[in-house]
N, C-alpha and C. Protein backbone atom coordinates (compact mmCIF):
# COMPACT_ATOMS: atom_id res chain seq x y z
N ILE A 1 -6.29 -8.10 -13.15
CA ILE A 1 -5.23 -7.12 -13.32
C ILE A 1 -5.83 -5.91 -14.02
N THR A 2 -5.48 -4.74 -13.53
CA THR A 2 -5.97 -3.49 -14.10
C THR A 2 -4.87 -2.44 -13.99
N GLN A 3 -5.10 -1.32 -14.63
CA GLN A 3 -4.14 -0.22 -14.50
C GLN A 3 -4.09 0.21 -13.05
N GLY A 4 -3.05 0.86 -12.67
CA GLY A 4 -2.94 1.23 -11.28
C GLY A 4 -2.91 2.71 -11.02
N PHE A 5 -2.15 3.44 -11.78
CA PHE A 5 -1.91 4.83 -11.41
C PHE A 5 -2.67 5.83 -12.27
N ILE A 6 -3.50 5.34 -13.18
CA ILE A 6 -4.30 6.24 -14.01
C ILE A 6 -5.73 6.22 -13.49
N SER A 7 -6.30 7.38 -13.30
CA SER A 7 -7.62 7.51 -12.73
C SER A 7 -8.41 8.55 -13.51
N ARG A 8 -9.54 8.96 -12.95
CA ARG A 8 -10.36 9.95 -13.62
C ARG A 8 -10.85 10.98 -12.61
N HIS A 9 -10.80 12.23 -12.99
CA HIS A 9 -11.36 13.31 -12.18
C HIS A 9 -12.88 13.22 -12.21
N ALA A 10 -13.54 13.88 -11.28
CA ALA A 10 -15.01 13.90 -11.24
C ALA A 10 -15.59 14.48 -12.53
N ASP A 11 -14.85 15.37 -13.19
CA ASP A 11 -15.34 15.97 -14.44
C ASP A 11 -15.06 15.11 -15.66
N GLY A 12 -14.45 13.93 -15.45
CA GLY A 12 -14.20 13.00 -16.54
C GLY A 12 -12.80 13.07 -17.12
N GLY A 13 -12.00 14.05 -16.72
CA GLY A 13 -10.64 14.16 -17.22
C GLY A 13 -9.72 13.11 -16.62
N THR A 14 -8.63 12.83 -17.31
CA THR A 14 -7.66 11.85 -16.84
C THR A 14 -6.82 12.41 -15.71
N ALA A 15 -6.57 11.59 -14.73
CA ALA A 15 -5.72 11.97 -13.60
C ALA A 15 -4.62 10.93 -13.44
N ILE A 16 -3.43 11.38 -13.15
CA ILE A 16 -2.31 10.49 -12.86
C ILE A 16 -2.11 10.52 -11.35
N LEU A 17 -2.25 9.37 -10.71
CA LEU A 17 -2.05 9.30 -9.27
C LEU A 17 -0.57 9.40 -8.94
N GLY A 18 -0.24 9.87 -7.78
CA GLY A 18 1.14 10.02 -7.36
C GLY A 18 1.78 8.71 -6.95
N ARG A 19 2.94 8.83 -6.31
CA ARG A 19 3.68 7.66 -5.84
C ARG A 19 2.78 6.78 -5.00
N GLY A 20 2.79 5.49 -5.28
CA GLY A 20 1.95 4.54 -4.55
C GLY A 20 0.53 4.45 -5.09
N GLY A 21 0.26 5.14 -6.19
CA GLY A 21 -1.09 5.14 -6.75
C GLY A 21 -1.59 3.76 -7.14
N SER A 22 -0.70 2.94 -7.67
CA SER A 22 -1.10 1.58 -8.04
C SER A 22 -1.47 0.76 -6.82
N ASP A 23 -0.73 0.93 -5.73
CA ASP A 23 -1.03 0.22 -4.49
C ASP A 23 -2.36 0.69 -3.92
N THR A 24 -2.61 2.00 -3.99
CA THR A 24 -3.87 2.55 -3.51
C THR A 24 -5.03 1.99 -4.32
N SER A 25 -4.86 1.93 -5.63
CA SER A 25 -5.90 1.36 -6.50
C SER A 25 -6.16 -0.09 -6.13
N ALA A 26 -5.11 -0.86 -5.89
CA ALA A 26 -5.28 -2.27 -5.53
C ALA A 26 -6.06 -2.41 -4.23
N ALA A 27 -5.73 -1.59 -3.23
CA ALA A 27 -6.45 -1.64 -1.96
C ALA A 27 -7.91 -1.26 -2.15
N TYR A 28 -8.16 -0.24 -2.96
CA TYR A 28 -9.53 0.20 -3.23
C TYR A 28 -10.33 -0.91 -3.90
N PHE A 29 -9.78 -1.49 -4.97
CA PHE A 29 -10.49 -2.55 -5.67
C PHE A 29 -10.69 -3.77 -4.79
N GLY A 30 -9.70 -4.09 -3.97
CA GLY A 30 -9.85 -5.21 -3.05
C GLY A 30 -11.01 -5.01 -2.09
N ALA A 31 -11.10 -3.81 -1.53
CA ALA A 31 -12.21 -3.49 -0.62
C ALA A 31 -13.54 -3.51 -1.36
N LEU A 32 -13.56 -2.93 -2.55
CA LEU A 32 -14.78 -2.86 -3.35
C LEU A 32 -15.30 -4.25 -3.70
N LEU A 33 -14.38 -5.17 -3.98
CA LEU A 33 -14.76 -6.53 -4.37
C LEU A 33 -14.93 -7.46 -3.18
N GLY A 34 -14.69 -6.96 -1.97
CA GLY A 34 -14.84 -7.79 -0.77
C GLY A 34 -13.75 -8.84 -0.63
N ALA A 35 -12.57 -8.56 -1.16
CA ALA A 35 -11.46 -9.52 -1.09
C ALA A 35 -11.02 -9.73 0.36
N SER A 36 -10.64 -10.93 0.69
CA SER A 36 -10.15 -11.21 2.04
C SER A 36 -8.73 -10.72 2.23
N ARG A 37 -8.01 -10.50 1.13
CA ARG A 37 -6.67 -9.92 1.20
C ARG A 37 -6.29 -9.35 -0.16
N VAL A 38 -5.32 -8.46 -0.12
CA VAL A 38 -4.77 -7.87 -1.34
C VAL A 38 -3.26 -8.10 -1.29
N GLU A 39 -2.70 -8.62 -2.36
CA GLU A 39 -1.26 -8.84 -2.42
C GLU A 39 -0.63 -7.77 -3.30
N ILE A 40 0.42 -7.15 -2.79
CA ILE A 40 1.19 -6.17 -3.56
C ILE A 40 2.55 -6.81 -3.82
N TRP A 41 2.87 -7.06 -5.06
CA TRP A 41 4.15 -7.67 -5.42
C TRP A 41 5.17 -6.58 -5.68
N THR A 42 6.29 -6.65 -4.97
CA THR A 42 7.34 -5.63 -5.11
C THR A 42 8.70 -6.30 -5.18
N ASP A 43 9.72 -5.47 -5.17
CA ASP A 43 11.09 -5.98 -5.20
C ASP A 43 11.68 -6.14 -3.80
N VAL A 44 10.87 -6.02 -2.77
CA VAL A 44 11.32 -6.23 -1.39
C VAL A 44 10.58 -7.42 -0.81
N PRO A 45 11.16 -8.10 0.19
CA PRO A 45 10.57 -9.34 0.69
C PRO A 45 9.32 -9.19 1.55
N GLY A 46 8.87 -7.98 1.85
CA GLY A 46 7.66 -7.82 2.64
C GLY A 46 7.66 -6.54 3.46
N MET A 47 6.75 -6.48 4.43
CA MET A 47 6.65 -5.32 5.33
C MET A 47 7.64 -5.50 6.48
N PHE A 48 8.25 -4.40 6.87
CA PHE A 48 9.19 -4.41 7.99
C PHE A 48 8.68 -3.54 9.12
N SER A 49 9.20 -3.77 10.31
CA SER A 49 8.81 -2.99 11.48
C SER A 49 9.27 -1.54 11.36
N ALA A 50 10.24 -1.29 10.51
CA ALA A 50 10.74 0.06 10.22
C ALA A 50 11.46 -0.03 8.88
N ASN A 51 11.84 1.10 8.35
CA ASN A 51 12.57 1.10 7.09
C ASN A 51 13.95 0.50 7.33
N PRO A 52 14.24 -0.67 6.72
CA PRO A 52 15.53 -1.32 6.95
C PRO A 52 16.73 -0.50 6.49
N LYS A 53 16.51 0.49 5.63
CA LYS A 53 17.60 1.38 5.23
C LYS A 53 17.99 2.31 6.37
N ASP A 54 17.01 2.63 7.23
CA ASP A 54 17.25 3.53 8.36
C ASP A 54 17.51 2.78 9.67
N VAL A 55 16.89 1.60 9.79
CA VAL A 55 16.99 0.81 11.03
C VAL A 55 17.49 -0.58 10.66
N PRO A 56 18.80 -0.81 10.77
CA PRO A 56 19.39 -2.08 10.31
C PRO A 56 18.78 -3.33 10.95
N ASP A 57 18.29 -3.23 12.20
CA ASP A 57 17.72 -4.41 12.85
C ASP A 57 16.20 -4.47 12.72
N ALA A 58 15.63 -3.77 11.75
CA ALA A 58 14.19 -3.85 11.50
C ALA A 58 13.84 -5.30 11.18
N ARG A 59 12.70 -5.74 11.69
CA ARG A 59 12.34 -7.15 11.47
C ARG A 59 11.22 -7.28 10.44
N LEU A 60 11.27 -8.35 9.69
CA LEU A 60 10.26 -8.66 8.70
C LEU A 60 8.98 -9.07 9.42
N LEU A 61 7.86 -8.49 9.03
CA LEU A 61 6.57 -8.82 9.64
C LEU A 61 5.88 -9.88 8.80
N THR A 62 5.58 -11.02 9.41
CA THR A 62 4.91 -12.09 8.67
C THR A 62 3.40 -11.89 8.64
N ARG A 63 2.87 -11.17 9.62
CA ARG A 63 1.44 -10.84 9.68
C ARG A 63 1.32 -9.40 10.16
N LEU A 64 0.26 -8.75 9.77
CA LEU A 64 0.06 -7.36 10.16
C LEU A 64 -1.43 -7.16 10.43
N ASP A 65 -1.77 -6.85 11.69
CA ASP A 65 -3.18 -6.60 11.97
C ASP A 65 -3.49 -5.11 11.81
N TYR A 66 -4.75 -4.76 11.95
CA TYR A 66 -5.19 -3.39 11.72
C TYR A 66 -4.45 -2.40 12.61
N TYR A 67 -4.31 -2.73 13.88
CA TYR A 67 -3.69 -1.79 14.83
C TYR A 67 -2.20 -1.59 14.55
N GLU A 68 -1.53 -2.65 14.14
CA GLU A 68 -0.12 -2.51 13.76
C GLU A 68 0.01 -1.65 12.49
N ALA A 69 -0.88 -1.88 11.54
CA ALA A 69 -0.86 -1.08 10.32
C ALA A 69 -1.13 0.39 10.63
N GLN A 70 -2.06 0.63 11.54
CA GLN A 70 -2.38 2.00 11.94
C GLN A 70 -1.17 2.68 12.58
N GLU A 71 -0.47 1.94 13.42
CA GLU A 71 0.73 2.50 14.07
C GLU A 71 1.80 2.84 13.05
N ILE A 72 2.03 1.94 12.11
CA ILE A 72 3.03 2.18 11.07
C ILE A 72 2.62 3.39 10.22
N ALA A 73 1.34 3.48 9.89
CA ALA A 73 0.86 4.59 9.06
C ALA A 73 1.02 5.93 9.77
N THR A 74 0.78 5.97 11.07
CA THR A 74 0.86 7.24 11.79
C THR A 74 2.30 7.71 11.97
N THR A 75 3.26 6.82 11.74
CA THR A 75 4.66 7.23 11.83
C THR A 75 5.20 7.72 10.48
N GLY A 76 4.33 7.79 9.48
CA GLY A 76 4.72 8.35 8.20
C GLY A 76 5.12 7.36 7.14
N ALA A 77 4.88 6.07 7.36
CA ALA A 77 5.22 5.07 6.36
C ALA A 77 4.46 5.33 5.07
N LYS A 78 5.12 5.15 3.96
CA LYS A 78 4.51 5.40 2.65
C LYS A 78 4.03 4.11 1.99
N VAL A 79 3.96 3.02 2.74
CA VAL A 79 3.64 1.73 2.14
C VAL A 79 2.25 1.23 2.47
N LEU A 80 1.48 1.96 3.24
CA LEU A 80 0.14 1.52 3.61
C LEU A 80 -0.91 2.34 2.90
N HIS A 81 -1.99 1.67 2.47
CA HIS A 81 -3.05 2.35 1.72
C HIS A 81 -4.40 1.94 2.25
């Protein structure tokens, strides 16, 4: 466990990451450490095919491969890092 949204500028100054900064940090550290997966614990039950607030019949995704994640990211989702 480590801090998530506090970082450092190249000049050594403190930087506060924006919304999702903790998730971005987790993904970065997971990749850096060679983790087989990174878990993000939130108050929602998981990833959906669309924002359930906008699309009532959005379905919960039990698995997500790279290409599906890429598609979701290109549609403007703010949950992928």
